[in-house]
Amino acid sequence: TDLFRVFVHMFGARSAGIRATFLVDDKPGLLARVSKDIADKNGNIVSLVTTDGDDLTKRRCTIKVSGIVKKDMEEILNDAQAEIEDIR
C-alpha cells in the first residue's frame, strides 16, 4: 500500500547502515550535536524521524546512518546522554 511505502522510505529501510532508536532530552541543539558527531566520524544520516516520548520532556528518535560502525554510533549516543532503546 501507499502508506507502507511511505514508512519504508521514511525509515530508510532499503538502505544499508545502522538503525538506532533512542530517547533524548527535548533541548535545542541536541540533535545538531548528534548530527555533527556522526559527520565527524564520516557517517551519513540516511533518515531521521522524531516523535514525542512517553515523557513530553523527551523525544524518541529513530535514525538510520551509513558509513560508521555500531560501536561509534553507541559512543555518539552515550556522549549525548541518550537512552538507547534499540541499535542494530
N, C-alpha and C. Protein backbone atom coordinates (compact mmCIF):
# COMPACT_ATOMS: atom_id res chain seq x y z
N THR A 1 0.84 -1.19 0.00
CA THR A 1 0.00 0.00 0.00
C THR A 1 0.87 1.24 0.00
N ASP A 2 0.25 2.38 -0.27
CA ASP A 2 1.00 3.63 -0.29
C ASP A 2 1.55 3.99 1.08
N LEU A 3 0.78 3.74 2.13
CA LEU A 3 1.24 4.05 3.49
C LEU A 3 2.46 3.21 3.85
N PHE A 4 2.46 1.95 3.49
CA PHE A 4 3.62 1.09 3.75
C PHE A 4 4.85 1.64 3.04
N ARG A 5 4.70 2.05 1.78
CA ARG A 5 5.81 2.62 1.02
C ARG A 5 6.35 3.88 1.68
N VAL A 6 5.47 4.69 2.22
CA VAL A 6 5.89 5.91 2.92
C VAL A 6 6.79 5.55 4.10
N PHE A 7 6.38 4.56 4.90
CA PHE A 7 7.19 4.16 6.05
C PHE A 7 8.53 3.56 5.62
N VAL A 8 8.54 2.77 4.57
CA VAL A 8 9.78 2.18 4.07
C VAL A 8 10.76 3.29 3.70
N HIS A 9 10.29 4.30 3.00
CA HIS A 9 11.15 5.41 2.59
C HIS A 9 11.53 6.28 3.79
N MET A 10 10.57 6.56 4.65
CA MET A 10 10.81 7.46 5.79
C MET A 10 11.88 6.91 6.72
N PHE A 11 11.89 5.59 6.94
CA PHE A 11 12.85 4.99 7.86
C PHE A 11 14.10 4.46 7.15
N GLY A 12 14.23 4.68 5.86
CA GLY A 12 15.42 4.24 5.14
C GLY A 12 15.60 2.74 5.14
N ALA A 13 14.51 2.00 5.12
CA ALA A 13 14.55 0.54 5.27
C ALA A 13 15.35 -0.16 4.17
N ARG A 14 15.41 0.43 3.02
CA ARG A 14 16.12 -0.22 1.91
C ARG A 14 17.59 0.18 1.83
N SER A 15 18.02 1.04 2.71
CA SER A 15 19.41 1.50 2.72
C SER A 15 20.22 0.72 3.74
N ALA A 16 21.46 0.42 3.39
CA ALA A 16 22.36 -0.25 4.33
C ALA A 16 22.76 0.74 5.42
N GLY A 17 23.06 0.21 6.58
CA GLY A 17 23.52 1.07 7.67
C GLY A 17 23.02 0.61 9.01
N ILE A 18 23.25 1.44 9.99
CA ILE A 18 22.87 1.17 11.37
C ILE A 18 21.60 1.94 11.68
N ARG A 19 20.64 1.24 12.31
CA ARG A 19 19.42 1.92 12.75
C ARG A 19 19.42 1.94 14.26
N ALA A 20 19.18 3.11 14.82
CA ALA A 20 19.12 3.25 16.28
C ALA A 20 17.84 3.97 16.66
N THR A 21 17.22 3.49 17.72
CA THR A 21 16.07 4.17 18.32
C THR A 21 16.47 4.54 19.73
N PHE A 22 16.25 5.81 20.09
CA PHE A 22 16.73 6.29 21.37
C PHE A 22 15.88 7.47 21.85
N LEU A 23 15.96 7.74 23.14
CA LEU A 23 15.30 8.90 23.75
C LEU A 23 16.36 9.92 24.12
N VAL A 24 16.06 11.19 23.84
CA VAL A 24 16.94 12.29 24.26
C VAL A 24 16.09 13.40 24.84
N ASP A 25 16.72 14.22 25.67
CA ASP A 25 16.03 15.40 26.19
C ASP A 25 15.63 16.30 25.04
N ASP A 26 14.47 16.91 25.14
CA ASP A 26 13.96 17.82 24.12
C ASP A 26 14.57 19.20 24.37
N LYS A 27 15.83 19.36 23.93
CA LYS A 27 16.57 20.60 24.16
C LYS A 27 17.16 21.10 22.84
N PRO A 28 17.19 22.42 22.64
CA PRO A 28 17.76 22.97 21.42
C PRO A 28 19.22 22.54 21.24
N GLY A 29 19.55 22.14 20.02
CA GLY A 29 20.93 21.83 19.67
C GLY A 29 21.36 20.40 19.91
N LEU A 30 20.57 19.61 20.62
CA LEU A 30 21.00 18.25 20.95
C LEU A 30 21.10 17.37 19.70
N LEU A 31 20.10 17.42 18.83
CA LEU A 31 20.19 16.63 17.60
C LEU A 31 21.24 17.19 16.65
N ALA A 32 21.47 18.48 16.69
CA ALA A 32 22.54 19.07 15.88
C ALA A 32 23.89 18.51 16.33
N ARG A 33 24.06 18.37 17.63
CA ARG A 33 25.31 17.80 18.16
C ARG A 33 25.47 16.35 17.71
N VAL A 34 24.40 15.56 17.81
CA VAL A 34 24.46 14.17 17.36
C VAL A 34 24.80 14.13 15.87
N SER A 35 24.18 14.98 15.08
CA SER A 35 24.45 15.03 13.63
C SER A 35 25.90 15.38 13.35
N LYS A 36 26.43 16.36 14.07
CA LYS A 36 27.83 16.76 13.90
C LYS A 36 28.77 15.62 14.27
N ASP A 37 28.48 14.95 15.38
CA ASP A 37 29.34 13.83 15.80
C ASP A 37 29.33 12.70 14.77
N ILE A 38 28.17 12.45 14.16
CA ILE A 38 28.08 11.45 13.10
C ILE A 38 28.93 11.88 11.91
N ALA A 39 28.80 13.13 11.49
CA ALA A 39 29.57 13.64 10.35
C ALA A 39 31.07 13.62 10.65
N ASP A 40 31.45 13.93 11.89
CA ASP A 40 32.86 13.92 12.27
C ASP A 40 33.49 12.53 12.14
N LYS A 41 32.67 11.49 12.21
CA LYS A 41 33.16 10.12 12.05
C LYS A 41 32.91 9.61 10.62
N ASN A 42 32.66 10.54 9.70
CA ASN A 42 32.41 10.24 8.29
C ASN A 42 31.14 9.43 8.07
N GLY A 43 30.17 9.57 8.97
CA GLY A 43 28.88 8.92 8.82
C GLY A 43 27.93 9.81 8.02
N ASN A 44 26.91 9.19 7.47
CA ASN A 44 25.91 9.90 6.69
C ASN A 44 24.52 9.53 7.21
N ILE A 45 23.72 10.52 7.55
CA ILE A 45 22.36 10.26 8.02
C ILE A 45 21.48 9.99 6.81
N VAL A 46 20.94 8.77 6.75
CA VAL A 46 20.06 8.35 5.67
C VAL A 46 18.63 8.81 5.97
N SER A 47 18.21 8.66 7.23
CA SER A 47 16.89 9.13 7.65
C SER A 47 16.92 9.44 9.14
N LEU A 48 16.01 10.33 9.54
CA LEU A 48 15.87 10.71 10.94
C LEU A 48 14.41 11.06 11.18
N VAL A 49 13.80 10.36 12.12
CA VAL A 49 12.39 10.58 12.47
C VAL A 49 12.34 10.83 13.97
N THR A 50 11.61 11.86 14.40
CA THR A 50 11.43 12.11 15.83
C THR A 50 9.94 12.12 16.15
N THR A 51 9.62 11.62 17.34
CA THR A 51 8.25 11.63 17.84
C THR A 51 8.29 11.98 19.32
N ASP A 52 7.13 12.26 19.88
CA ASP A 52 7.07 12.51 21.32
C ASP A 52 7.48 11.25 22.07
N GLY A 53 8.20 11.45 23.18
CA GLY A 53 8.46 10.34 24.08
C GLY A 53 7.27 10.18 25.00
N ASP A 54 7.28 9.14 25.82
CA ASP A 54 6.20 8.97 26.80
C ASP A 54 6.19 10.14 27.77
N ASP A 55 7.38 10.65 28.07
CA ASP A 55 7.57 11.84 28.89
C ASP A 55 7.77 13.00 27.91
N LEU A 56 6.94 14.01 27.97
CA LEU A 56 6.98 15.08 26.96
C LEU A 56 8.24 15.95 27.03
N THR A 57 9.13 15.70 27.99
CA THR A 57 10.41 16.41 28.02
C THR A 57 11.45 15.66 27.18
N LYS A 58 11.04 14.55 26.56
CA LYS A 58 11.94 13.70 25.77
C LYS A 58 11.42 13.58 24.34
N ARG A 59 12.34 13.30 23.42
CA ARG A 59 12.00 12.97 22.04
C ARG A 59 12.48 11.55 21.76
N ARG A 60 11.64 10.76 21.11
CA ARG A 60 12.04 9.43 20.65
C ARG A 60 12.52 9.61 19.21
N CYS A 61 13.73 9.19 18.94
CA CYS A 61 14.33 9.35 17.62
C CYS A 61 14.67 8.00 17.04
N THR A 62 14.42 7.85 15.76
CA THR A 62 14.89 6.69 15.01
C THR A 62 15.74 7.25 13.88
N ILE A 63 16.98 6.79 13.84
CA ILE A 63 17.94 7.32 12.87
C ILE A 63 18.58 6.15 12.13
N LYS A 64 18.78 6.33 10.83
CA LYS A 64 19.50 5.35 10.02
C LYS A 64 20.76 6.04 9.53
N VAL A 65 21.91 5.42 9.79
CA VAL A 65 23.20 6.03 9.47
C VAL A 65 24.05 5.04 8.69
N SER A 66 24.70 5.51 7.64
CA SER A 66 25.65 4.68 6.90
C SER A 66 27.05 5.25 7.11
N GLY A 67 28.05 4.42 6.87
CA GLY A 67 29.43 4.88 6.92
C GLY A 67 30.12 4.80 8.27
N ILE A 68 29.43 4.36 9.31
CA ILE A 68 30.06 4.17 10.62
C ILE A 68 29.66 2.81 11.17
N VAL A 69 30.39 2.37 12.18
CA VAL A 69 30.11 1.07 12.80
C VAL A 69 29.25 1.27 14.05
N LYS A 70 28.64 0.18 14.50
CA LYS A 70 27.73 0.22 15.64
C LYS A 70 28.39 0.82 16.88
N LYS A 71 29.63 0.44 17.14
CA LYS A 71 30.37 0.94 18.31
C LYS A 71 30.45 2.47 18.29
N ASP A 72 30.72 3.05 17.12
CA ASP A 72 30.79 4.51 17.01
C ASP A 72 29.43 5.15 17.28
N MET A 73 28.37 4.53 16.77
CA MET A 73 27.03 5.07 16.98
C MET A 73 26.67 5.02 18.46
N GLU A 74 27.00 3.92 19.12
CA GLU A 74 26.74 3.82 20.56
C GLU A 74 27.49 4.90 21.33
N GLU A 75 28.75 5.14 20.95
CA GLU A 75 29.56 6.17 21.61
C GLU A 75 28.94 7.56 21.43
N ILE A 76 28.50 7.86 20.23
CA ILE A 76 27.88 9.15 19.95
C ILE A 76 26.63 9.34 20.80
N LEU A 77 25.80 8.32 20.86
CA LEU A 77 24.55 8.43 21.63
C LEU A 77 24.82 8.49 23.13
N ASN A 78 25.80 7.74 23.60
CA ASN A 78 26.16 7.80 25.02
C ASN A 78 26.69 9.19 25.39
N ASP A 79 27.51 9.78 24.51
CA ASP A 79 28.02 11.14 24.75
C ASP A 79 26.89 12.16 24.82
N ALA A 80 25.80 11.90 24.08
CA ALA A 80 24.64 12.80 24.09
C ALA A 80 23.68 12.48 25.24
N GLN A 81 24.07 11.53 26.08
CA GLN A 81 23.25 11.08 27.21
C GLN A 81 21.89 10.57 26.74
N ALA A 82 21.91 9.89 25.59
CA ALA A 82 20.68 9.30 25.05
C ALA A 82 20.41 7.98 25.75
N GLU A 83 19.13 7.66 25.86
CA GLU A 83 18.71 6.36 26.38
C GLU A 83 18.45 5.47 25.16
N ILE A 84 19.38 4.57 24.87
CA ILE A 84 19.29 3.73 23.68
C ILE A 84 18.24 2.65 23.92
N GLU A 85 17.24 2.60 23.04
CA GLU A 85 16.21 1.56 23.11
C GLU A 85 16.56 0.38 22.23
N ASP A 86 17.14 0.64 21.06
CA ASP A 86 17.50 -0.42 20.12
C ASP A 86 18.55 0.12 19.18
N ILE A 87 19.52 -0.72 18.85
CA ILE A 87 20.52 -0.34 17.86
C ILE A 87 20.97 -1.61 17.15
N ARG A 88 20.96 -1.57 15.83
CA ARG A 88 21.38 -2.73 15.03
C ARG A 88 21.82 -2.32 13.64
